């Protein structure tokens, strides 16, 4: 990913995707005024570097590449790499933006949920789960047997035997398969391919049927 994004490139990238400023702001989790000021007040308003990286990442996941000459071009990427301390946050935003208008399901394996002691990550995840539920999006999550750190509704989880669990998660949503390496730094390989996604979905369904439902003790 380039280190710099100009207001002109932001405008061109939006035009390429036919996005409005509010659409881009929503996908980035930013206020619409932030996008408006960035595009219109060149030289007078400079967003933080992490804000620019978030905007660029959203565009790149959507299939826009930034050229060295200061332009943009469409890219039909089969594979996109998300890197950095906020890579997982950007992935969760993409999951929500991909499914929010249609609803649907996210399939997750190899996951260890964050604990309340990880305040920033726990707060973001809690808000993410709330917006999923509001948009009629559910999850099916395969945990390691004995893991009682449940953040989502209990019926979303099932247990894998300890010898079959690997701490290298993937998330599957729509036609997208995300392979996650926690790092540091976080490193996520995002593959957009309907056939690959369906293959993983079929395998997940077989494993889910054999996995053990989580008992809440109620």
Protein backbone atom coordinates (compact mmCIF):
# COMPACT_ATOMS: atom_id res chain seq x y z
CA UNK A 1 0.00 0.00 0.00
CA UNK A 2 1.41 3.47 -0.86
CA UNK A 3 2.24 5.76 2.05
CA UNK A 4 0.31 8.76 0.76
CA UNK A 5 -3.24 9.49 -0.36
CA UNK A 6 -4.12 12.81 -1.97
CA UNK A 7 -7.57 14.42 -1.88
CA UNK A 8 -7.70 14.10 -5.69
CA UNK A 9 -7.04 10.36 -5.46
CA UNK A 10 -9.78 10.04 -2.87
CA UNK A 11 -12.25 11.78 -5.18
CA UNK A 12 -11.16 9.67 -8.16
CA UNK A 13 -11.41 6.43 -6.20
CA UNK A 14 -14.93 7.30 -5.04
CA UNK A 15 -15.93 8.11 -8.61
CA UNK A 16 -14.53 4.79 -9.80
CA UNK A 17 -16.69 2.94 -7.28
CA UNK A 18 -19.65 5.32 -7.63
CA UNK A 19 -19.52 6.02 -3.88
CA UNK A 20 -20.73 9.18 -2.20
CA UNK A 21 -18.77 10.81 0.60
CA UNK A 22 -21.22 9.42 3.21
CA UNK A 23 -20.80 5.92 1.71
CA UNK A 24 -17.02 6.10 2.04
CA UNK A 25 -17.32 7.54 5.56
CA UNK A 26 -19.63 4.72 6.64
CA UNK A 27 -17.31 2.04 5.26
CA UNK A 28 -14.34 3.62 7.04
CA UNK A 29 -16.17 4.22 10.31
CA UNK A 30 -15.54 7.96 10.02
CA UNK A 31 -17.71 11.06 10.16
CA UNK A 32 -18.83 12.28 6.71
CA UNK A 33 -17.34 15.69 7.57
CA UNK A 34 -13.89 14.08 7.80
CA UNK A 35 -14.08 12.92 4.18
CA UNK A 36 -15.59 16.22 3.03
CA UNK A 37 -12.92 18.34 4.69
CA UNK A 38 -10.12 16.10 3.42
CA UNK A 39 -11.29 16.30 -0.19
CA UNK A 40 -12.16 20.02 -0.22
CA UNK A 41 -9.61 21.62 2.08
CA UNK A 42 -6.40 20.37 0.50
CA UNK A 43 -3.38 21.70 2.35
CA UNK A 44 -5.51 23.09 5.18
CA UNK A 45 -6.82 19.84 6.66
CA UNK A 46 -4.52 16.87 7.13
CA UNK A 47 -6.09 13.73 8.68
CA UNK A 48 -3.99 11.51 10.93
CA UNK A 49 -1.87 8.87 9.19
CA UNK A 50 -4.01 6.05 10.59
CA UNK A 51 -7.14 7.70 9.18
CA UNK A 52 -5.56 7.88 5.72
CA UNK A 53 -4.46 4.24 5.99
CA UNK A 54 -8.02 3.24 6.88
CA UNK A 55 -9.41 5.09 3.83
CA UNK A 56 -6.81 3.55 1.54
CA UNK A 57 -7.43 0.06 2.92
CA UNK A 58 -11.18 0.34 2.33
CA UNK A 59 -10.55 1.39 -1.27
CA UNK A 60 -8.03 -1.39 -1.87
CA UNK A 61 -10.36 -4.06 -0.48
CA UNK A 62 -13.04 -2.69 -2.84
CA UNK A 63 -10.68 -3.15 -5.82
CA UNK A 64 -8.99 0.23 -6.31
CA UNK A 65 -5.21 0.57 -6.69
CA UNK A 66 -3.27 3.81 -6.26
CA UNK A 67 -0.60 4.50 -8.88
CA UNK A 68 2.80 6.10 -8.32
CA UNK A 69 1.81 8.91 -10.68
CA UNK A 70 -0.96 10.03 -8.35
CA UNK A 71 -3.86 8.33 -10.11
CA UNK A 72 -6.12 5.37 -9.43
CA UNK A 73 -7.01 2.26 -11.38
CA UNK A 74 -9.42 -0.65 -10.95
CA UNK A 75 -7.91 -3.95 -9.91
CA UNK A 76 -9.74 -7.24 -9.92
CA UNK A 77 -7.75 -8.62 -7.00
CA UNK A 78 -8.16 -12.26 -6.15
CA UNK A 79 -5.96 -11.71 -3.10
CA UNK A 80 -5.67 -8.62 -0.88
CA UNK A 81 -3.26 -8.33 2.05
CA UNK A 82 -4.26 -6.43 5.18
CA UNK A 83 -1.39 -5.63 7.53
CA UNK A 84 -0.83 -3.59 10.69
CA UNK A 85 -2.13 -3.36 14.24
CA UNK A 86 -5.64 -2.49 12.99
CA UNK A 87 -5.86 -5.17 10.26
CA UNK A 88 -8.48 -7.19 12.14
CA UNK A 89 -10.59 -4.08 12.76
CA UNK A 90 -10.52 -3.38 9.01
CA UNK A 91 -11.52 -6.97 8.31
CA UNK A 92 -14.51 -6.74 10.65
CA UNK A 93 -15.57 -3.53 8.92
CA UNK A 94 -15.39 -5.30 5.55
CA UNK A 95 -17.46 -8.20 6.88
CA UNK A 96 -20.15 -5.79 8.05
CA UNK A 97 -20.13 -3.70 4.86
CA UNK A 98 -20.29 -6.83 2.68
CA UNK A 99 -23.34 -8.31 4.43
CA UNK A 100 -25.18 -5.36 5.97
CA UNK A 101 -27.66 -4.91 3.10
CA UNK A 102 -28.47 -8.60 2.62
CA UNK A 103 -27.92 -10.20 6.01
CA UNK A 104 -26.21 -13.55 6.09
CA UNK A 105 -23.75 -15.63 8.02
CA UNK A 106 -20.07 -15.53 8.96
CA UNK A 107 -18.25 -18.83 9.48
CA UNK A 108 -15.25 -18.72 11.83
CA UNK A 109 -12.74 -21.38 12.87
CA UNK A 110 -9.56 -21.37 14.93
CA UNK A 111 -10.70 -18.43 17.04
CA UNK A 112 -9.84 -17.40 20.58
CA UNK A 113 -12.09 -14.54 21.63
CA UNK A 114 -10.57 -11.40 23.12
CA UNK A 115 -10.86 -10.90 26.86
CA UNK A 116 -12.23 -7.85 28.66
CA UNK A 117 -8.69 -6.97 29.69
CA UNK A 118 -7.96 -6.11 26.04
CA UNK A 119 -10.12 -3.03 26.34
CA UNK A 120 -9.85 -1.50 22.85
CA UNK A 121 -10.28 -4.81 21.02
CA UNK A 122 -13.09 -5.95 23.34
CA UNK A 123 -15.01 -2.69 22.91
CA UNK A 124 -14.67 -2.82 19.12
CA UNK A 125 -15.75 -6.47 19.01
CA UNK A 126 -18.78 -5.79 21.23
CA UNK A 127 -19.89 -2.95 18.96
CA UNK A 128 -19.26 -5.12 15.92
CA UNK A 129 -21.46 -7.92 17.27
CA UNK A 130 -24.25 -5.44 18.00
CA UNK A 131 -24.21 -4.11 14.44
CA UNK A 132 -24.16 -7.66 13.04
CA UNK A 133 -27.25 -8.60 15.01
CA UNK A 134 -29.00 -5.37 13.99
CA UNK A 135 -28.28 -6.17 10.32
CA UNK A 136 -29.54 -9.78 10.64
CA UNK A 137 -26.03 -11.20 10.36
CA UNK A 138 -25.14 -14.23 12.48
CA UNK A 139 -21.98 -16.24 13.06
CA UNK A 140 -21.01 -19.86 13.51
CA UNK A 141 -17.78 -20.15 15.50
CA UNK A 142 -15.60 -23.20 16.17
CA UNK A 143 -13.75 -22.89 19.50
CA UNK A 144 -11.28 -25.14 21.26
CA UNK A 145 -12.91 -27.56 23.69
CA UNK A 146 -13.04 -26.06 27.17
CA UNK A 147 -12.76 -22.42 26.07
CA UNK A 148 -15.41 -20.59 28.11
CA UNK A 149 -14.55 -17.06 26.95
CA UNK A 150 -17.75 -16.42 24.99
CA UNK A 151 -18.43 -12.93 23.65
CA UNK A 152 -21.15 -13.66 21.07
CA UNK A 153 -24.43 -15.50 21.85
CA UNK A 154 -23.70 -19.04 23.11
CA UNK A 155 -25.68 -20.69 20.30
CA UNK A 156 -23.19 -19.28 17.79
CA UNK A 157 -20.41 -21.53 19.17
CA UNK A 158 -19.42 -25.19 18.96
CA UNK A 159 -16.36 -26.97 20.34
CA UNK A 160 -13.57 -28.77 18.51
CA UNK A 161 -11.45 -31.34 20.38
CA UNK A 162 -8.17 -29.90 21.63
CA UNK A 163 -6.14 -32.06 19.27
CA UNK A 164 -8.08 -30.76 16.26
CA UNK A 165 -7.93 -27.06 17.07
CA UNK A 166 -5.34 -24.76 15.50
CA UNK A 167 -4.82 -21.19 16.65
CA UNK A 168 -4.77 -19.78 13.12
CA UNK A 169 -8.28 -18.55 12.38
CA UNK A 170 -10.18 -18.01 9.19
CA UNK A 171 -13.40 -16.10 8.60
CA UNK A 172 -15.70 -16.85 5.68
CA UNK A 173 -18.35 -14.37 4.56
CA UNK A 174 -20.11 -14.11 1.23
CA UNK A 175 -17.53 -14.96 -1.44
CA UNK A 176 -14.66 -13.91 0.82
CA UNK A 177 -12.20 -16.04 2.76
CA UNK A 178 -9.91 -14.33 5.28
CA UNK A 179 -6.88 -16.19 6.64
CA UNK A 180 -5.54 -14.52 9.79
CA UNK A 181 -2.10 -14.45 11.38
CA UNK A 182 -2.16 -12.50 14.63
CA UNK A 183 1.50 -11.51 14.50
CA UNK A 184 2.59 -9.00 15.56
CA UNK A 185 2.07 -7.40 13.20
CA UNK A 186 -1.37 -8.65 12.19
CA UNK A 187 -1.36 -10.14 8.71
CA UNK A 188 -4.57 -11.11 6.91
CA UNK A 189 -4.80 -12.74 3.49
CA UNK A 190 -8.21 -11.95 1.99
CA UNK A 191 -9.24 -14.16 -0.95
CA UNK A 192 -12.29 -13.17 -2.98
CA UNK A 193 -13.43 -16.17 -5.01
CA UNK A 194 -16.86 -17.81 -5.03
CA UNK A 195 -15.61 -21.34 -5.68
CA UNK A 196 -12.90 -21.20 -2.99
CA UNK A 197 -15.43 -19.79 -0.54
CA UNK A 198 -17.98 -22.50 -1.32
CA UNK A 199 -15.35 -25.22 -0.90
CA UNK A 200 -14.45 -23.95 2.57
CA UNK A 201 -18.14 -23.55 3.40
CA UNK A 202 -18.85 -27.18 2.54
CA UNK A 203 -15.94 -28.39 4.69
CA UNK A 204 -16.99 -26.13 7.56
CA UNK A 205 -20.54 -27.51 7.47
CA UNK A 206 -19.25 -31.08 7.76
CA UNK A 207 -17.09 -30.17 10.76
CA UNK A 208 -19.86 -28.11 12.37
CA UNK A 209 -22.23 -31.07 12.28
CA UNK A 210 -19.68 -33.17 14.21
CA UNK A 211 -18.67 -30.40 16.67
CA UNK A 212 -20.04 -30.24 20.22
CA UNK A 213 -22.63 -27.56 21.04
CA UNK A 214 -21.66 -25.22 23.86
CA UNK A 215 -23.61 -25.80 27.06
CA UNK A 216 -24.49 -22.69 29.04
CA UNK A 217 -25.45 -24.72 32.10
CA UNK A 218 -28.98 -23.35 32.01
